[in-house]
Amino acid sequence: MQLRCVTGLAIAPPVLTCAAAVMVNLLGYEVANSDYREKRQQLANIPGASLYWYGKKTARPGRKLGHVTVALGASDPSLGPAIARQIEQIWYG
């Protein structure tokens, strides 16, 4: 959408693809050269989760390494805080 705006192309209206979602940024919490493969696999196994890993080679405290978005069903969007805690528990331990 940003590219379309900048180049003057027509912009399609945004469309919701789920009733609700939760997103958690994956921040570095240590100085390390790691791809955190095991943690990323655990996060990807959460039902409805989409993991976006930025491929950075070095982690350091506060550096954004990726994010996880979990689509929530219309039946219970109130699960968002519990899912966010689950993601944080996996990521930060």
C-alpha atoms as a PDB file:
ATOM      1  CA  MET A   1       0.000   0.000   0.000  1.00  0.00           C
ATOM      2  CA  GLN A   2       2.815   2.390   0.820  1.00  0.00           C
ATOM      3  CA  LEU A   3       4.428   1.798  -2.562  1.00  0.00           C
ATOM      4  CA  ARG A   4       1.099   2.383  -4.302  1.00  0.00           C
ATOM      5  CA  CYS A   5       0.686   5.684  -2.437  1.00  0.00           C
ATOM      6  CA  VAL A   6       4.171   6.887  -3.289  1.00  0.00           C
ATOM      7  CA  THR A   7       3.867   5.975  -6.963  1.00  0.00           C
ATOM      8  CA  GLY A   8       0.373   7.432  -7.356  1.00  0.00           C
ATOM      9  CA  LEU A   9      -1.344   4.108  -8.074  1.00  0.00           C
ATOM     10  CA  ALA A  10      -4.902   3.403  -6.985  1.00  0.00           C
ATOM     11  CA  ILE A  11      -5.259   2.210  -3.415  1.00  0.00           C
ATOM     12  CA  ALA A  12      -7.524  -0.738  -2.636  1.00  0.00           C
ATOM     13  CA  PRO A  13      -9.622  -0.432   0.507  1.00  0.00           C
ATOM     14  CA  PRO A  14      -8.284  -2.516   3.395  1.00  0.00           C
ATOM     15  CA  VAL A  15     -10.169  -5.712   4.189  1.00  0.00           C
ATOM     16  CA  LEU A  16     -10.271  -7.501   7.531  1.00  0.00           C
ATOM     17  CA  THR A  17      -9.122 -11.112   7.268  1.00  0.00           C
ATOM     18  CA  CYS A  18     -10.045 -12.130  10.829  1.00  0.00           C
ATOM     19  CA  ALA A  19     -12.272 -10.898  13.645  1.00  0.00           C
ATOM     20  CA  ALA A  20      -9.367 -10.015  15.948  1.00  0.00           C
ATOM     21  CA  ALA A  21      -5.633 -10.531  16.248  1.00  0.00           C
ATOM     22  CA  VAL A  22      -2.791 -10.138  18.694  1.00  0.00           C
ATOM     23  CA  MET A  23       0.750  -9.144  17.753  1.00  0.00           C
ATOM     24  CA  VAL A  24       3.864  -9.436  19.917  1.00  0.00           C
ATOM     25  CA  ASN A  25       7.246  -7.976  18.963  1.00  0.00           C
ATOM     26  CA  LEU A  26      10.215 -10.290  19.490  1.00  0.00           C
ATOM     27  CA  LEU A  27      12.905  -8.147  21.067  1.00  0.00           C
ATOM     28  CA  GLY A  28      16.455  -9.119  21.842  1.00  0.00           C
ATOM     29  CA  TYR A  29      17.084  -9.742  25.525  1.00  0.00           C
ATOM     30  CA  GLU A  30      20.788 -10.677  25.365  1.00  0.00           C
ATOM     31  CA  VAL A  31      23.858 -10.090  23.232  1.00  0.00           C
ATOM     32  CA  ALA A  32      24.062 -13.185  21.024  1.00  0.00           C
ATOM     33  CA  ASN A  33      24.674 -14.535  17.545  1.00  0.00           C
ATOM     34  CA  SER A  34      21.669 -16.837  17.354  1.00  0.00           C
ATOM     35  CA  ASP A  35      18.728 -17.480  15.062  1.00  0.00           C
ATOM     36  CA  TYR A  36      16.637 -18.794  18.011  1.00  0.00           C
ATOM     37  CA  ARG A  37      15.444 -21.666  15.815  1.00  0.00           C
ATOM     38  CA  GLU A  38      13.913 -23.721  18.656  1.00  0.00           C
ATOM     39  CA  LYS A  39      11.969 -20.766  20.066  1.00  0.00           C
ATOM     40  CA  ARG A  40      10.797 -19.742  16.597  1.00  0.00           C
ATOM     41  CA  GLN A  41       9.505 -23.267  15.977  1.00  0.00           C
ATOM     42  CA  GLN A  42       7.573 -23.234  19.252  1.00  0.00           C
ATOM     43  CA  LEU A  43       6.032 -19.876  18.333  1.00  0.00           C
ATOM     44  CA  ALA A  44       5.106 -21.062  14.840  1.00  0.00           C
ATOM     45  CA  ASN A  45       3.290 -24.040  16.385  1.00  0.00           C
ATOM     46  CA  ILE A  46       0.784 -21.819  18.203  1.00  0.00           C
ATOM     47  CA  PRO A  47      -2.575 -22.264  16.422  1.00  0.00           C
ATOM     48  CA  GLY A  48      -3.264 -19.333  14.092  1.00  0.00           C
ATOM     49  CA  ALA A  49       0.251 -17.897  14.504  1.00  0.00           C
ATOM     50  CA  SER A  50       2.256 -16.257  11.736  1.00  0.00           C
ATOM     51  CA  LEU A  51       5.909 -15.696  12.582  1.00  0.00           C
ATOM     52  CA  TYR A  52       7.800 -12.894  10.852  1.00  0.00           C
ATOM     53  CA  TRP A  53      11.560 -13.231  11.418  1.00  0.00           C
ATOM     54  CA  TYR A  54      13.707 -10.392  10.108  1.00  0.00           C
ATOM     55  CA  GLY A  55      16.840 -12.499   9.613  1.00  0.00           C
ATOM     56  CA  LYS A  56      19.114 -10.320  11.731  1.00  0.00           C
ATOM     57  CA  LYS A  57      22.391 -12.029  12.621  1.00  0.00           C
ATOM     58  CA  THR A  58      23.025 -10.380  15.992  1.00  0.00           C
ATOM     59  CA  ALA A  59      20.678  -9.971  18.927  1.00  0.00           C
ATOM     60  CA  ARG A  60      21.114  -7.325  21.603  1.00  0.00           C
ATOM     61  CA  PRO A  61      18.769  -6.053  24.309  1.00  0.00           C
ATOM     62  CA  GLY A  62      15.845  -4.147  22.824  1.00  0.00           C
ATOM     63  CA  ARG A  63      16.645  -4.916  19.173  1.00  0.00           C
ATOM     64  CA  LYS A  64      13.550  -5.942  17.218  1.00  0.00           C
ATOM     65  CA  LEU A  65      14.237  -9.355  15.706  1.00  0.00           C
ATOM     66  CA  GLY A  66      10.755 -10.196  14.465  1.00  0.00           C
ATOM     67  CA  HIS A  67       7.124 -10.417  15.494  1.00  0.00           C
ATOM     68  CA  VAL A  68       4.339 -12.960  15.880  1.00  0.00           C
ATOM     69  CA  THR A  69       0.752 -12.318  14.839  1.00  0.00           C
ATOM     70  CA  VAL A  70      -2.018 -14.674  15.940  1.00  0.00           C
ATOM     71  CA  ALA A  71      -5.404 -14.504  14.254  1.00  0.00           C
ATOM     72  CA  LEU A  72      -8.243 -14.877  16.751  1.00  0.00           C
ATOM     73  CA  GLY A  73     -11.653 -16.235  15.904  1.00  0.00           C
ATOM     74  CA  ALA A  74     -14.821 -14.231  16.251  1.00  0.00           C
ATOM     75  CA  SER A  75     -15.986 -16.602  18.987  1.00  0.00           C
ATOM     76  CA  ASP A  76     -13.486 -15.419  21.609  1.00  0.00           C
ATOM     77  CA  PRO A  77     -11.247 -12.437  20.845  1.00  0.00           C
ATOM     78  CA  SER A  78     -10.722 -12.067  24.620  1.00  0.00           C
ATOM     79  CA  LEU A  79      -8.050 -14.790  24.361  1.00  0.00           C
ATOM     80  CA  GLY A  80      -5.586 -12.144  23.122  1.00  0.00           C
ATOM     81  CA  PRO A  81      -3.919 -11.359  26.473  1.00  0.00           C
ATOM     82  CA  ALA A  82      -3.447 -15.054  27.310  1.00  0.00           C
ATOM     83  CA  ILE A  83      -1.916 -15.737  23.898  1.00  0.00           C
ATOM     84  CA  ALA A  84       0.393 -12.720  24.281  1.00  0.00           C
ATOM     85  CA  ARG A  85       1.561 -14.102  27.648  1.00  0.00           C
ATOM     86  CA  GLN A  86       2.142 -17.521  26.040  1.00  0.00           C
ATOM     87  CA  ILE A  87       4.295 -15.945  23.305  1.00  0.00           C
ATOM     88  CA  GLU A  88       6.260 -13.904  25.852  1.00  0.00           C
ATOM     89  CA  GLN A  89       6.811 -16.998  28.006  1.00  0.00           C
ATOM     90  CA  ILE A  90       8.238 -18.911  25.043  1.00  0.00           C
ATOM     91  CA  TRP A  91      10.392 -16.015  23.870  1.00  0.00           C
ATOM     92  CA  TYR A  92      11.682 -14.624  27.142  1.00  0.00           C
ATOM     93  CA  GLY A  93      11.461 -17.790  29.254  1.00  0.00           C
END
